[in-house]
Amino acid sequence: AMRGLNAELKEQIEAGGADHLQIDPDTSINMHTW
């Protein structure tokens, strides 16, 4: 699932979305997190 979040974020960025994906109120990932 963590690997999948990385792929999901990549698709989000390519679609013009935000460059972070929020996991909980104080934890998020960027394209380098994985």
PDB file of all heavy atoms in Angstrom:
ATOM      1  N   ALA A   1       0.823  -1.209   0.000  1.00  0.00           N
ATOM      2  CA  ALA A   1       0.000   0.000   0.000  1.00  0.00           C
ATOM      3  C   ALA A   1       0.855   1.255   0.000  1.00  0.00           C
ATOM      4  O   ALA A   1       0.515   2.251  -0.674  1.00  0.00           O
ATOM      5  CB  ALA A   1      -0.934  -0.012   1.211  1.00  0.00           C
ATOM      6  N   MET A   2       1.957   1.241   0.730  1.00  0.00           N
ATOM      7  CA  MET A   2       2.859   2.392   0.720  1.00  0.00           C
ATOM      8  C   MET A   2       3.441   2.612  -0.676  1.00  0.00           C
ATOM      9  O   MET A   2       3.522   3.743  -1.151  1.00  0.00           O
ATOM     10  CB  MET A   2       3.990   2.198   1.737  1.00  0.00           C
ATOM     11  CG  MET A   2       3.581   2.380   3.187  1.00  0.00           C
ATOM     12  SD  MET A   2       2.877   4.017   3.529  1.00  0.00           S
ATOM     13  CE  MET A   2       4.194   5.073   2.938  1.00  0.00           C
ATOM     14  N   ARG A   3       3.833   1.538  -1.333  1.00  0.00           N
ATOM     15  CA  ARG A   3       4.328   1.663  -2.704  1.00  0.00           C
ATOM     16  C   ARG A   3       3.210   2.211  -3.607  1.00  0.00           C
ATOM     17  O   ARG A   3       3.444   3.043  -4.482  1.00  0.00           O
ATOM     18  CB  ARG A   3       4.808   0.312  -3.220  1.00  0.00           C
ATOM     19  CG  ARG A   3       5.492   0.396  -4.579  1.00  0.00           C
ATOM     20  CD  ARG A   3       5.599  -0.969  -5.224  1.00  0.00           C
ATOM     21  NE  ARG A   3       6.413  -1.899  -4.465  1.00  0.00           N
ATOM     22  CZ  ARG A   3       7.724  -2.048  -4.645  1.00  0.00           C
ATOM     23  NH1 ARG A   3       8.354  -1.339  -5.551  1.00  0.00           N
ATOM     24  NH2 ARG A   3       8.384  -2.932  -3.916  1.00  0.00           N
ATOM     25  N   GLY A   4       1.988   1.742  -3.377  1.00  0.00           N
ATOM     26  CA  GLY A   4       0.856   2.206  -4.167  1.00  0.00           C
ATOM     27  C   GLY A   4       0.571   3.686  -3.975  1.00  0.00           C
ATOM     28  O   GLY A   4       0.181   4.380  -4.925  1.00  0.00           O
ATOM     29  N   LEU A   5       0.759   4.196  -2.771  1.00  0.00           N
ATOM     30  CA  LEU A   5       0.566   5.625  -2.530  1.00  0.00           C
ATOM     31  C   LEU A   5       1.534   6.456  -3.350  1.00  0.00           C
ATOM     32  O   LEU A   5       1.195   7.539  -3.836  1.00  0.00           O
ATOM     33  CB  LEU A   5       0.730   5.930  -1.040  1.00  0.00           C
ATOM     34  CG  LEU A   5      -0.405   5.513  -0.114  1.00  0.00           C
ATOM     35  CD1 LEU A   5      -0.026   5.782   1.340  1.00  0.00           C
ATOM     36  CD2 LEU A   5      -1.697   6.246  -0.474  1.00  0.00           C
ATOM     37  N   ASN A   6       2.753   5.941  -3.495  1.00  0.00           N
ATOM     38  CA  ASN A   6       3.740   6.636  -4.307  1.00  0.00           C
ATOM     39  C   ASN A   6       3.256   6.738  -5.763  1.00  0.00           C
ATOM     40  O   ASN A   6       3.360   7.796  -6.399  1.00  0.00           O
ATOM     41  CB  ASN A   6       5.079   5.901  -4.236  1.00  0.00           C
ATOM     42  CG  ASN A   6       6.200   6.630  -4.937  1.00  0.00           C
ATOM     43  OD1 ASN A   6       6.669   7.663  -4.473  1.00  0.00           O
ATOM     44  ND2 ASN A   6       6.651   6.090  -6.064  1.00  0.00           N
ATOM     45  N   ALA A   7       2.712   5.639  -6.287  1.00  0.00           N
ATOM     46  CA  ALA A   7       2.182   5.644  -7.653  1.00  0.00           C
ATOM     47  C   ALA A   7       0.964   6.565  -7.771  1.00  0.00           C
ATOM     48  O   ALA A   7       0.801   7.281  -8.765  1.00  0.00           O
ATOM     49  CB  ALA A   7       1.821   4.225  -8.064  1.00  0.00           C
ATOM     50  N   GLU A   8       0.119   6.553  -6.752  1.00  0.00           N
ATOM     51  CA  GLU A   8      -1.060   7.425  -6.748  1.00  0.00           C
ATOM     52  C   GLU A   8      -0.661   8.893  -6.761  1.00  0.00           C
ATOM     53  O   GLU A   8      -1.260   9.714  -7.486  1.00  0.00           O
ATOM     54  CB  GLU A   8      -1.914   7.122  -5.518  1.00  0.00           C
ATOM     55  CG  GLU A   8      -3.168   7.961  -5.400  1.00  0.00           C
ATOM     56  CD  GLU A   8      -3.953   7.661  -4.146  1.00  0.00           C
ATOM     57  OE1 GLU A   8      -3.781   6.560  -3.579  1.00  0.00           O
ATOM     58  OE2 GLU A   8      -4.744   8.536  -3.715  1.00  0.00           O
ATOM     59  N   LEU A   9       0.354   9.239  -5.971  1.00  0.00           N
ATOM     60  CA  LEU A   9       0.823  10.626  -5.942  1.00  0.00           C
ATOM     61  C   LEU A   9       1.385  11.031  -7.298  1.00  0.00           C
ATOM     62  O   LEU A   9       1.143  12.152  -7.770  1.00  0.00           O
ATOM     63  CB  LEU A   9       1.873  10.806  -4.845  1.00  0.00           C
ATOM     64  CG  LEU A   9       2.507  12.192  -4.745  1.00  0.00           C
ATOM     65  CD1 LEU A   9       1.457  13.270  -4.508  1.00  0.00           C
ATOM     66  CD2 LEU A   9       3.556  12.218  -3.642  1.00  0.00           C
ATOM     67  N   LYS A  10       2.119  10.143  -7.937  1.00  0.00           N
ATOM     68  CA  LYS A  10       2.672  10.445  -9.254  1.00  0.00           C
ATOM     69  C   LYS A  10       1.562  10.772 -10.243  1.00  0.00           C
ATOM     70  O   LYS A  10       1.642  11.748 -11.001  1.00  0.00           O
ATOM     71  CB  LYS A  10       3.503   9.271  -9.759  1.00  0.00           C
ATOM     72  CG  LYS A  10       4.175   9.525 -11.101  1.00  0.00           C
ATOM     73  CD  LYS A  10       5.034   8.333 -11.525  1.00  0.00           C
ATOM     74  CE  LYS A  10       5.699   8.610 -12.879  1.00  0.00           C
ATOM     75  NZ  LYS A  10       6.514   7.451 -13.312  1.00  0.00           N
ATOM     76  N   GLU A  11       0.487   9.976 -10.231  1.00  0.00           N
ATOM     77  CA  GLU A  11      -0.652  10.240 -11.113  1.00  0.00           C
ATOM     78  C   GLU A  11      -1.314  11.572 -10.764  1.00  0.00           C
ATOM     79  O   GLU A  11      -1.730  12.318 -11.660  1.00  0.00           O
ATOM     80  CB  GLU A  11      -1.660   9.103 -10.994  1.00  0.00           C
ATOM     81  CG  GLU A  11      -1.168   7.769 -11.542  1.00  0.00           C
ATOM     82  CD  GLU A  11      -2.173   6.657 -11.327  1.00  0.00           C
ATOM     83  OE1 GLU A  11      -3.262   6.928 -10.759  1.00  0.00           O
ATOM     84  OE2 GLU A  11      -1.876   5.508 -11.712  1.00  0.00           O
ATOM     85  N   GLN A  12      -1.397  11.858  -9.480  1.00  0.00           N
ATOM     86  CA  GLN A  12      -1.996  13.122  -9.037  1.00  0.00           C
ATOM     87  C   GLN A  12      -1.214  14.312  -9.549  1.00  0.00           C
ATOM     88  O   GLN A  12      -1.788  15.303 -10.037  1.00  0.00           O
ATOM     89  CB  GLN A  12      -2.059  13.128  -7.507  1.00  0.00           C
ATOM     90  CG  GLN A  12      -2.554  14.422  -6.880  1.00  0.00           C
ATOM     91  CD  GLN A  12      -2.636  14.309  -5.370  1.00  0.00           C
ATOM     92  OE1 GLN A  12      -3.437  13.538  -4.844  1.00  0.00           O
ATOM     93  NE2 GLN A  12      -1.806  15.070  -4.657  1.00  0.00           N
ATOM     94  N   ILE A  13       0.114  14.232  -9.463  1.00  0.00           N
ATOM     95  CA  ILE A  13       0.971  15.332  -9.927  1.00  0.00           C
ATOM     96  C   ILE A  13       0.868  15.479 -11.438  1.00  0.00           C
ATOM     97  O   ILE A  13       0.756  16.600 -11.965  1.00  0.00           O
ATOM     98  CB  ILE A  13       2.427  15.089  -9.482  1.00  0.00           C
ATOM     99  CG1 ILE A  13       2.543  15.178  -7.951  1.00  0.00           C
ATOM    100  CG2 ILE A  13       3.373  16.096 -10.148  1.00  0.00           C
ATOM    101  CD1 ILE A  13       3.882  14.735  -7.413  1.00  0.00           C
ATOM    102  N   GLU A  14       0.886  14.363 -12.155  1.00  0.00           N
ATOM    103  CA  GLU A  14       0.794  14.412 -13.616  1.00  0.00           C
ATOM    104  C   GLU A  14      -0.529  14.999 -14.083  1.00  0.00           C
ATOM    105  O   GLU A  14      -0.610  15.584 -15.169  1.00  0.00           O
ATOM    106  CB  GLU A  14       0.985  13.010 -14.193  1.00  0.00           C
ATOM    107  CG  GLU A  14       2.414  12.496 -14.070  1.00  0.00           C
ATOM    108  CD  GLU A  14       2.572  11.054 -14.501  1.00  0.00           C
ATOM    109  OE1 GLU A  14       1.523  10.378 -14.702  1.00  0.00           O
ATOM    110  OE2 GLU A  14       3.723  10.588 -14.628  1.00  0.00           O
ATOM    111  N   ALA A  15      -1.559  14.874 -13.256  1.00  0.00           N
ATOM    112  CA  ALA A  15      -2.870  15.438 -13.599  1.00  0.00           C
ATOM    113  C   ALA A  15      -3.001  16.891 -13.161  1.00  0.00           C
ATOM    114  O   ALA A  15      -4.085  17.483 -13.300  1.00  0.00           O
ATOM    115  CB  ALA A  15      -3.969  14.596 -12.955  1.00  0.00           C
ATOM    116  N   GLY A  16      -1.916  17.451 -12.637  1.00  0.00           N
ATOM    117  CA  GLY A  16      -1.924  18.850 -12.219  1.00  0.00           C
ATOM    118  C   GLY A  16      -2.336  19.073 -10.787  1.00  0.00           C
ATOM    119  O   GLY A  16      -2.610  20.208 -10.381  1.00  0.00           O
ATOM    120  N   GLY A  17      -2.358  17.997 -10.004  1.00  0.00           N
ATOM    121  CA  GLY A  17      -2.757  18.118  -8.613  1.00  0.00           C
ATOM    122  C   GLY A  17      -1.619  18.486  -7.689  1.00  0.00           C
ATOM    123  O   GLY A  17      -0.496  18.800  -8.124  1.00  0.00           O
ATOM    124  N   ALA A  18      -1.894  18.406  -6.394  1.00  0.00           N
ATOM    125  CA  ALA A  18      -0.912  18.779  -5.372  1.00  0.00           C
ATOM    126  C   ALA A  18       0.265  17.807  -5.374  1.00  0.00           C
ATOM    127  O   ALA A  18       0.139  16.655  -5.785  1.00  0.00           O
ATOM    128  CB  ALA A  18      -1.577  18.775  -3.996  1.00  0.00           C
ATOM    129  N   ASP A  19       1.432  18.323  -4.931  1.00  0.00           N
ATOM    130  CA  ASP A  19       2.642  17.499  -4.933  1.00  0.00           C
ATOM    131  C   ASP A  19       2.852  16.762  -3.613  1.00  0.00           C
ATOM    132  O   ASP A  19       3.928  16.213  -3.358  1.00  0.00           O
ATOM    133  CB  ASP A  19       3.874  18.334  -5.274  1.00  0.00           C
ATOM    134  CG  ASP A  19       4.096  19.489  -4.323  1.00  0.00           C
ATOM    135  OD1 ASP A  19       3.321  19.641  -3.351  1.00  0.00           O
ATOM    136  OD2 ASP A  19       5.058  20.247  -4.549  1.00  0.00           O
ATOM    137  N   HIS A  20       1.834  16.732  -2.759  1.00  0.00           N
ATOM    138  CA  HIS A  20       1.855  15.953  -1.525  1.00  0.00           C
ATOM    139  C   HIS A  20       0.570  15.149  -1.417  1.00  0.00           C
ATOM    140  O   HIS A  20      -0.469  15.546  -1.945  1.00  0.00           O
ATOM    141  CB  HIS A  20       1.981  16.852  -0.287  1.00  0.00           C
ATOM    142  CG  HIS A  20       3.323  17.465  -0.118  1.00  0.00           C
ATOM    143  ND1 HIS A  20       3.753  18.532  -0.878  1.00  0.00           N
ATOM    144  CD2 HIS A  20       4.356  17.171   0.723  1.00  0.00           C
ATOM    145  CE1 HIS A  20       4.983  18.863  -0.516  1.00  0.00           C
ATOM    146  NE2 HIS A  20       5.368  18.061   0.452  1.00  0.00           N
ATOM    147  N   LEU A  21       0.641  14.031  -0.726  1.00  0.00           N
ATOM    148  CA  LEU A  21      -0.525  13.208  -0.454  1.00  0.00           C
ATOM    149  C   LEU A  21      -0.620  13.033   1.055  1.00  0.00           C
ATOM    150  O   LEU A  21       0.313  12.513   1.687  1.00  0.00           O
ATOM    151  CB  LEU A  21      -0.380  11.853  -1.151  1.00  0.00           C
ATOM    152  CG  LEU A  21      -1.626  10.970  -1.259  1.00  0.00           C
ATOM    153  CD1 LEU A  21      -2.689  11.650  -2.118  1.00  0.00           C
ATOM    154  CD2 LEU A  21      -1.255   9.626  -1.885  1.00  0.00           C
ATOM    155  N   GLN A  22      -1.725  13.492   1.643  1.00  0.00           N
ATOM    156  CA  GLN A  22      -1.881  13.482   3.088  1.00  0.00           C
ATOM    157  C   GLN A  22      -2.295  12.102   3.572  1.00  0.00           C
ATOM    158  O   GLN A  22      -3.215  11.491   3.023  1.00  0.00           O
ATOM    159  CB  GLN A  22      -2.926  14.514   3.508  1.00  0.00           C
ATOM    160  CG  GLN A  22      -2.777  15.005   4.930  1.00  0.00           C
ATOM    161  CD  GLN A  22      -1.575  15.928   5.123  1.00  0.00           C
ATOM    162  OE1 GLN A  22      -1.157  16.626   4.206  1.00  0.00           O
ATOM    163  NE2 GLN A  22      -1.021  15.925   6.333  1.00  0.00           N
ATOM    164  N   ILE A  23      -1.611  11.597   4.603  1.00  0.00           N
ATOM    165  CA  ILE A  23      -1.934  10.295   5.183  1.00  0.00           C
ATOM    166  C   ILE A  23      -2.701  10.461   6.488  1.00  0.00           C
ATOM    167  O   ILE A  23      -3.658   9.747   6.756  1.00  0.00           O
ATOM    168  CB  ILE A  23      -0.653   9.473   5.394  1.00  0.00           C
ATOM    169  CG1 ILE A  23      -0.049   9.105   4.025  1.00  0.00           C
ATOM    170  CG2 ILE A  23      -0.924   8.222   6.211  1.00  0.00           C
ATOM    171  CD1 ILE A  23       1.251   8.361   4.103  1.00  0.00           C
ATOM    172  N   ASP A  24      -2.268  11.385   7.303  1.00  0.00           N
ATOM    173  CA  ASP A  24      -3.016  11.758   8.501  1.00  0.00           C
ATOM    174  C   ASP A  24      -2.764  13.246   8.721  1.00  0.00           C
ATOM    175  O   ASP A  24      -2.045  13.871   7.938  1.00  0.00           O
ATOM    176  CB  ASP A  24      -2.641  10.875   9.700  1.00  0.00           C
ATOM    177  CG  ASP A  24      -1.213  11.059  10.196  1.00  0.00           C
ATOM    178  OD1 ASP A  24      -0.650  12.162  10.046  1.00  0.00           O
ATOM    179  OD2 ASP A  24      -0.646  10.106  10.762  1.00  0.00           O
ATOM    180  N   PRO A  25      -3.361  13.855   9.744  1.00  0.00           N
ATOM    181  CA  PRO A  25      -3.238  15.316   9.873  1.00  0.00           C
ATOM    182  C   PRO A  25      -1.813  15.849   9.921  1.00  0.00           C
ATOM    183  O   PRO A  25      -1.578  17.007   9.557  1.00  0.00           O
ATOM    184  CB  PRO A  25      -3.991  15.611  11.177  1.00  0.00           C
ATOM    185  CG  PRO A  25      -5.028  14.536  11.248  1.00  0.00           C
ATOM    186  CD  PRO A  25      -4.345  13.311  10.706  1.00  0.00           C
ATOM    187  N   ASP A  26      -0.831  15.046  10.368  1.00  0.00           N
ATOM    188  CA  ASP A  26       0.538  15.561  10.461  1.00  0.00           C
ATOM    189  C   ASP A  26       1.548  14.741   9.651  1.00  0.00           C
ATOM    190  O   ASP A  26       2.747  14.937   9.799  1.00  0.00           O
ATOM    191  CB  ASP A  26       0.991  15.657  11.922  1.00  0.00           C
ATOM    192  CG  ASP A  26       0.896  14.330  12.671  1.00  0.00           C
ATOM    193  OD1 ASP A  26       0.835  13.267  12.029  1.00  0.00           O
ATOM    194  OD2 ASP A  26       0.887  14.380  13.910  1.00  0.00           O
ATOM    195  N   THR A  27       1.067  13.840   8.795  1.00  0.00           N
ATOM    196  CA  THR A  27       1.967  12.970   8.036  1.00  0.00           C
ATOM    197  C   THR A  27       1.533  12.929   6.579  1.00  0.00           C
ATOM    198  O   THR A  27       0.366  12.648   6.287  1.00  0.00           O
ATOM    199  CB  THR A  27       1.949  11.536   8.610  1.00  0.00           C
ATOM    200  OG1 THR A  27       2.183  11.591  10.019  1.00  0.00           O
ATOM    201  CG2 THR A  27       3.012  10.673   7.951  1.00  0.00           C
ATOM    202  N   SER A  28       2.467  13.226   5.686  1.00  0.00           N
ATOM    203  CA  SER A  28       2.170  13.179   4.254  1.00  0.00           C
ATOM    204  C   SER A  28       3.405  12.704   3.504  1.00  0.00           C
ATOM    205  O   SER A  28       4.497  12.619   4.067  1.00  0.00           O
ATOM    206  CB  SER A  28       1.731  14.561   3.744  1.00  0.00           C
ATOM    207  OG  SER A  28       2.791  15.504   3.868  1.00  0.00           O
ATOM    208  N   ILE A  29       3.229  12.410   2.226  1.00  0.00           N
ATOM    209  CA  ILE A  29       4.341  11.963   1.396  1.00  0.00           C
ATOM    210  C   ILE A  29       4.514  12.903   0.219  1.00  0.00           C
ATOM    211  O   ILE A  29       3.565  13.563  -0.227  1.00  0.00           O
ATOM    212  CB  ILE A  29       4.143  10.518   0.879  1.00  0.00           C
ATOM    213  CG1 ILE A  29       2.947  10.428  -0.076  1.00  0.00           C
ATOM    214  CG2 ILE A  29       3.980   9.549   2.038  1.00  0.00           C
ATOM    215  CD1 ILE A  29       2.830   9.106  -0.807  1.00  0.00           C
ATOM    216  N   ASN A  30       5.749  12.982  -0.285  1.00  0.00           N
ATOM    217  CA  ASN A  30       5.998  13.596  -1.581  1.00  0.00           C
ATOM    218  C   ASN A  30       6.606  12.523  -2.483  1.00  0.00           C
ATOM    219  O   ASN A  30       6.661  11.351  -2.128  1.00  0.00           O
ATOM    220  CB  ASN A  30       6.879  14.845  -1.453  1.00  0.00           C
ATOM    221  CG  ASN A  30       8.337  14.524  -1.102  1.00  0.00           C
ATOM    222  OD1 ASN A  30       8.701  13.378  -0.839  1.00  0.00           O
ATOM    223  ND2 ASN A  30       9.171  15.542  -1.076  1.00  0.00           N
ATOM    224  N   MET A  31       7.060  12.918  -3.663  1.00  0.00           N
ATOM    225  CA  MET A  31       7.540  11.927  -4.625  1.00  0.00           C
ATOM    226  C   MET A  31       8.828  11.233  -4.186  1.00  0.00           C
ATOM    227  O   MET A  31       9.226  10.230  -4.776  1.00  0.00           O
ATOM    228  CB  MET A  31       7.758  12.586  -5.992  1.00  0.00           C
ATOM    229  CG  MET A  31       6.492  12.726  -6.816  1.00  0.00           C
ATOM    230  SD  MET A  31       5.589  11.162  -7.043  1.00  0.00           S
ATOM    231  CE  MET A  31       6.822  10.142  -7.838  1.00  0.00           C
ATOM    232  N   HIS A  32       9.479  11.735  -3.160  1.00  0.00           N
ATOM    233  CA  HIS A  32      10.737  11.151  -2.703  1.00  0.00           C
ATOM    234  C   HIS A  32      10.577  10.305  -1.438  1.00  0.00           C
ATOM    235  O   HIS A  32      11.551   9.694  -0.991  1.00  0.00           O
ATOM    236  CB  HIS A  32      11.759  12.264  -2.451  1.00  0.00           C
ATOM    237  CG  HIS A  32      12.013  13.123  -3.644  1.00  0.00           C
ATOM    238  ND1 HIS A  32      12.757  12.712  -4.719  1.00  0.00           N
ATOM    239  CD2 HIS A  32      11.598  14.390  -3.932  1.00  0.00           C
ATOM    240  CE1 HIS A  32      12.806  13.677  -5.629  1.00  0.00           C
ATOM    241  NE2 HIS A  32      12.118  14.703  -5.176  1.00  0.00           N
ATOM    242  N   THR A  33       9.383  10.275  -0.867  1.00  0.00           N
ATOM    243  CA  THR A  33       9.195   9.625   0.427  1.00  0.00           C
ATOM    244  C   THR A  33       9.468   8.119   0.364  1.00  0.00           C
ATOM    245  O   THR A  33      10.142   7.568   1.238  1.00  0.00           O
ATOM    246  CB  THR A  33       7.782   9.890   0.959  1.00  0.00           C
ATOM    247  OG1 THR A  33       7.587  11.303   1.092  1.00  0.00           O
ATOM    248  CG2 THR A  33       7.564   9.205   2.301  1.00  0.00           C
ATOM    249  N   TRP A  34       8.945   7.450  -0.659  1.00  0.00           N
ATOM    250  CA  TRP A  34       9.139   6.005  -0.773  1.00  0.00           C
ATOM    251  C   TRP A  34      10.627   5.666  -0.809  1.00  0.00           C
ATOM    252  O   TRP A  34      11.098   4.793  -0.064  1.00  0.00           O
ATOM    253  CB  TRP A  34       8.423   5.489  -2.012  1.00  0.00           C
ATOM    254  CG  TRP A  34       8.723   4.068  -2.373  1.00  0.00           C
ATOM    255  CD1 TRP A  34       9.512   3.638  -3.396  1.00  0.00           C
ATOM    256  CD2 TRP A  34       8.252   2.875  -1.720  1.00  0.00           C
ATOM    257  NE1 TRP A  34       9.558   2.255  -3.434  1.00  0.00           N
ATOM    258  CE2 TRP A  34       8.799   1.765  -2.410  1.00  0.00           C
ATOM    259  CE3 TRP A  34       7.434   2.645  -0.616  1.00  0.00           C
ATOM    260  CZ2 TRP A  34       8.541   0.443  -2.038  1.00  0.00           C
ATOM    261  CZ3 TRP A  34       7.177   1.326  -0.234  1.00  0.00           C
ATOM    262  CH2 TRP A  34       7.727   0.247  -0.936  1.00  0.00           C
TER     263      TRP A  34
END
